Amino acid sequence: MARIYISLGSNIERELNTRAGVKALRECFGELEMSAVYESEAVGFDGDAFFNMVIACHSAEDVFSTNRRLREIEDANGRDRVGPKFSSRTLDLDLLLYDDLVLNENGLKLPREEILHNAFVLWPLAEIAPGLVHPEVGKTYAELWQAFDKSRENLHPIDFDFEQ
């Protein structure tokens, strides 16, 4: 079983879709370890604010099947793939890490580059995996978050009730 880390984001009916995404991930992968939910401004386009979080779990599937499963969950939750890459979305599930695999194949790059560039990915990842070492840069996620320029993005944790 591989330990995987997934970023979840939504800025369309974000409360509903965040809950639906977590529920679908739990049904697919079982027990989840979840960061807090963070609110952040849209990055790369003008749009409504996002809810973001990182989720850790285990997958018995290979990396490509795992990634395909995430796409299926997005599609089942109304993800529109017709518009521009940077646009509003019901549910965005990105495979960040698959164990310590370093991969750039068939359109899948791991670890995902956003880890090092976006606070809405790095902060929640550092929250649930502070001592885990990035397989390419050799620093822990806590160290990477500590060194991150936090002035670049407006991001803050929010109270979020998953039971509604």
Protein backbone atom coordinates (compact mmCIF):
# COMPACT_ATOMS: atom_id res chain seq x y z
CA MET A 1 0.00 0.00 0.00
CA ALA A 2 1.34 3.38 -1.01
CA ARG A 3 0.98 6.42 1.25
CA ILE A 4 -0.52 9.15 -0.89
CA TYR A 5 -1.16 12.85 -0.38
CA ILE A 6 -3.92 14.62 -2.27
CA SER A 7 -4.74 18.30 -2.47
CA LEU A 8 -8.44 19.12 -2.59
CA GLY A 9 -9.76 22.46 -3.77
CA SER A 10 -13.14 23.96 -4.65
CA ASN A 11 -14.50 27.40 -5.39
CA ILE A 12 -17.93 26.49 -6.78
CA GLU A 13 -20.41 25.57 -4.03
CA ARG A 14 -17.24 25.01 -2.07
CA GLU A 15 -18.80 23.79 1.19
CA LEU A 16 -20.89 21.18 -0.60
CA ASN A 17 -18.11 20.06 -2.93
CA THR A 18 -15.44 19.92 -0.22
CA ARG A 19 -17.68 17.61 1.81
CA ALA A 20 -18.54 15.52 -1.28
CA GLY A 21 -14.87 15.21 -2.21
CA VAL A 22 -13.87 14.04 1.27
CA LYS A 23 -16.77 11.57 1.32
CA ALA A 24 -15.77 10.14 -2.08
CA LEU A 25 -12.11 9.86 -1.06
CA ARG A 26 -13.12 8.04 2.13
CA GLU A 27 -15.29 5.63 0.12
CA CYS A 28 -12.45 5.00 -2.33
CA PHE A 29 -9.40 4.90 -0.05
CA GLY A 30 -10.72 4.28 3.47
CA GLU A 31 -9.31 6.10 6.48
CA LEU A 32 -8.18 9.67 5.78
CA GLU A 33 -5.84 12.02 7.60
CA MET A 34 -6.95 15.56 6.86
CA SER A 35 -5.43 18.99 7.27
CA ALA A 36 -7.49 21.97 8.29
CA VAL A 37 -9.51 23.63 5.53
CA TYR A 38 -7.92 26.85 4.28
CA GLU A 39 -9.51 29.71 2.39
CA SER A 40 -7.41 31.25 -0.35
CA GLU A 41 -7.78 33.66 -3.21
CA ALA A 42 -7.91 32.24 -6.71
CA VAL A 43 -4.40 31.90 -8.17
CA GLY A 44 -3.81 32.46 -11.88
CA PHE A 45 -7.26 33.89 -12.66
CA ASP A 46 -9.99 36.17 -11.29
CA GLY A 47 -12.51 34.04 -9.45
CA ASP A 48 -14.19 33.29 -6.15
CA ALA A 49 -12.06 32.23 -3.19
CA PHE A 50 -11.19 28.56 -2.80
CA PHE A 51 -11.39 26.10 0.04
CA ASN A 52 -8.23 23.98 0.05
CA MET A 53 -6.89 21.13 2.13
CA VAL A 54 -4.52 18.18 1.92
CA ILE A 55 -5.55 14.61 2.63
CA ALA A 56 -3.32 11.62 3.32
CA CYS A 57 -4.43 8.02 2.86
CA HIS A 58 -3.28 4.72 1.41
CA SER A 59 -3.82 3.32 -2.07
CA ALA A 60 -3.48 -0.30 -3.14
CA GLU A 61 -3.52 0.81 -6.78
CA ASP A 62 -0.53 1.81 -8.87
CA VAL A 63 0.20 5.50 -9.31
CA PHE A 64 -1.58 5.88 -12.66
CA SER A 65 -4.71 4.03 -11.50
CA THR A 66 -4.74 6.15 -8.34
CA ASN A 67 -4.52 9.35 -10.39
CA ARG A 68 -7.25 8.08 -12.74
CA ARG A 69 -9.47 7.40 -9.70
CA LEU A 70 -9.07 11.05 -8.62
CA ARG A 71 -10.16 12.22 -12.09
CA GLU A 72 -13.23 9.96 -11.84
CA ILE A 73 -14.17 11.49 -8.48
CA GLU A 74 -13.78 15.00 -9.94
CA ASP A 75 -15.96 14.09 -12.92
CA ALA A 76 -18.62 12.53 -10.69
CA ASN A 77 -18.74 15.84 -8.82
CA GLY A 78 -19.32 18.02 -11.87
CA ARG A 79 -15.77 18.97 -12.85
CA ASP A 80 -15.81 20.89 -16.15
CA ARG A 81 -12.66 20.19 -18.18
CA VAL A 82 -13.67 22.27 -21.22
CA GLY A 83 -12.64 25.72 -19.92
CA PRO A 84 -9.19 27.17 -19.39
CA LYS A 85 -6.71 25.39 -17.12
CA PHE A 86 -6.88 28.14 -14.49
CA SER A 87 -10.59 28.57 -13.85
CA SER A 88 -13.29 28.01 -11.27
CA ARG A 89 -14.01 24.39 -10.40
CA THR A 90 -16.41 22.29 -8.40
CA LEU A 91 -13.69 19.90 -7.26
CA ASP A 92 -9.98 19.74 -7.91
CA LEU A 93 -8.10 16.65 -6.66
CA ASP A 94 -4.37 16.58 -7.34
CA LEU A 95 -2.09 13.70 -6.45
CA LEU A 96 0.81 15.44 -4.68
CA LEU A 97 2.86 12.46 -3.52
CA TYR A 98 2.81 8.72 -4.01
CA ASP A 99 5.22 7.38 -1.38
CA ASP A 100 8.56 8.97 -2.30
CA LEU A 101 8.14 8.34 -6.04
CA VAL A 102 9.76 10.82 -8.42
CA LEU A 103 7.99 10.58 -11.77
CA ASN A 104 7.42 12.56 -14.96
CA GLU A 105 5.53 10.27 -17.28
CA ASN A 106 2.26 10.20 -19.24
CA GLY A 107 1.30 13.70 -18.07
CA LEU A 108 1.83 12.90 -14.39
CA LYS A 109 4.63 14.63 -12.48
CA LEU A 110 5.42 13.68 -8.91
CA PRO A 111 6.05 15.20 -6.54
CA ARG A 112 3.63 17.81 -7.83
CA GLU A 113 5.34 21.16 -8.52
CA GLU A 114 2.60 23.13 -6.74
CA ILE A 115 3.98 21.89 -3.42
CA LEU A 116 6.94 24.26 -3.72
CA HIS A 117 5.03 27.19 -5.26
CA ASN A 118 1.62 27.51 -3.62
CA ALA A 119 0.93 28.19 0.05
CA PHE A 120 -2.51 26.57 -0.28
CA VAL A 121 -0.73 23.26 -0.97
CA LEU A 122 2.43 23.56 1.14
CA TRP A 123 0.87 24.81 4.40
CA PRO A 124 -1.72 22.00 4.74
CA LEU A 125 0.87 19.43 3.62
CA ALA A 126 3.33 20.69 6.25
CA GLU A 127 0.51 20.52 8.79
CA ILE A 128 -0.13 16.78 8.34
CA ALA A 129 3.35 15.65 7.25
CA PRO A 130 5.84 18.09 8.84
CA GLY A 131 8.70 15.59 9.09
CA LEU A 132 8.24 14.04 5.65
CA VAL A 133 11.11 14.87 3.29
CA HIS A 134 10.50 16.19 -0.23
CA PRO A 135 12.15 13.52 -2.43
CA GLU A 136 13.76 16.03 -4.80
CA VAL A 137 14.85 18.95 -2.60
CA GLY A 138 15.75 16.94 0.51
CA LYS A 139 14.01 19.22 3.02
CA THR A 140 11.04 18.46 5.24
CA TYR A 141 7.71 20.06 4.47
CA ALA A 142 7.94 21.92 7.78
CA GLU A 143 11.30 23.37 6.70
CA LEU A 144 9.91 24.29 3.29
CA TRP A 145 6.89 25.99 4.87
CA GLN A 146 9.07 27.87 7.35
CA ALA A 147 11.18 29.24 4.47
CA PHE A 148 8.18 29.98 2.21
CA ASP A 149 7.41 33.62 1.34
CA LYS A 150 4.03 33.83 3.05
CA SER A 151 3.36 37.35 1.80
CA ARG A 152 2.65 36.08 -1.73
CA GLU A 153 -0.78 34.58 -0.99
CA ASN A 154 -3.68 35.48 1.27
CA LEU A 155 -4.42 32.19 3.03
CA HIS A 156 -6.00 31.35 6.38
CA PRO A 157 -7.48 28.30 8.10
CA ILE A 158 -11.22 28.25 8.67
CA ASP A 159 -13.61 26.34 10.91
CA PHE A 160 -15.23 23.70 8.74
CA ASP A 161 -17.90 21.21 9.74
CA PHE A 162 -17.71 18.02 7.67
CA GLU A 163 -20.88 16.63 9.23
CA GLN A 164 -23.44 19.02 7.68
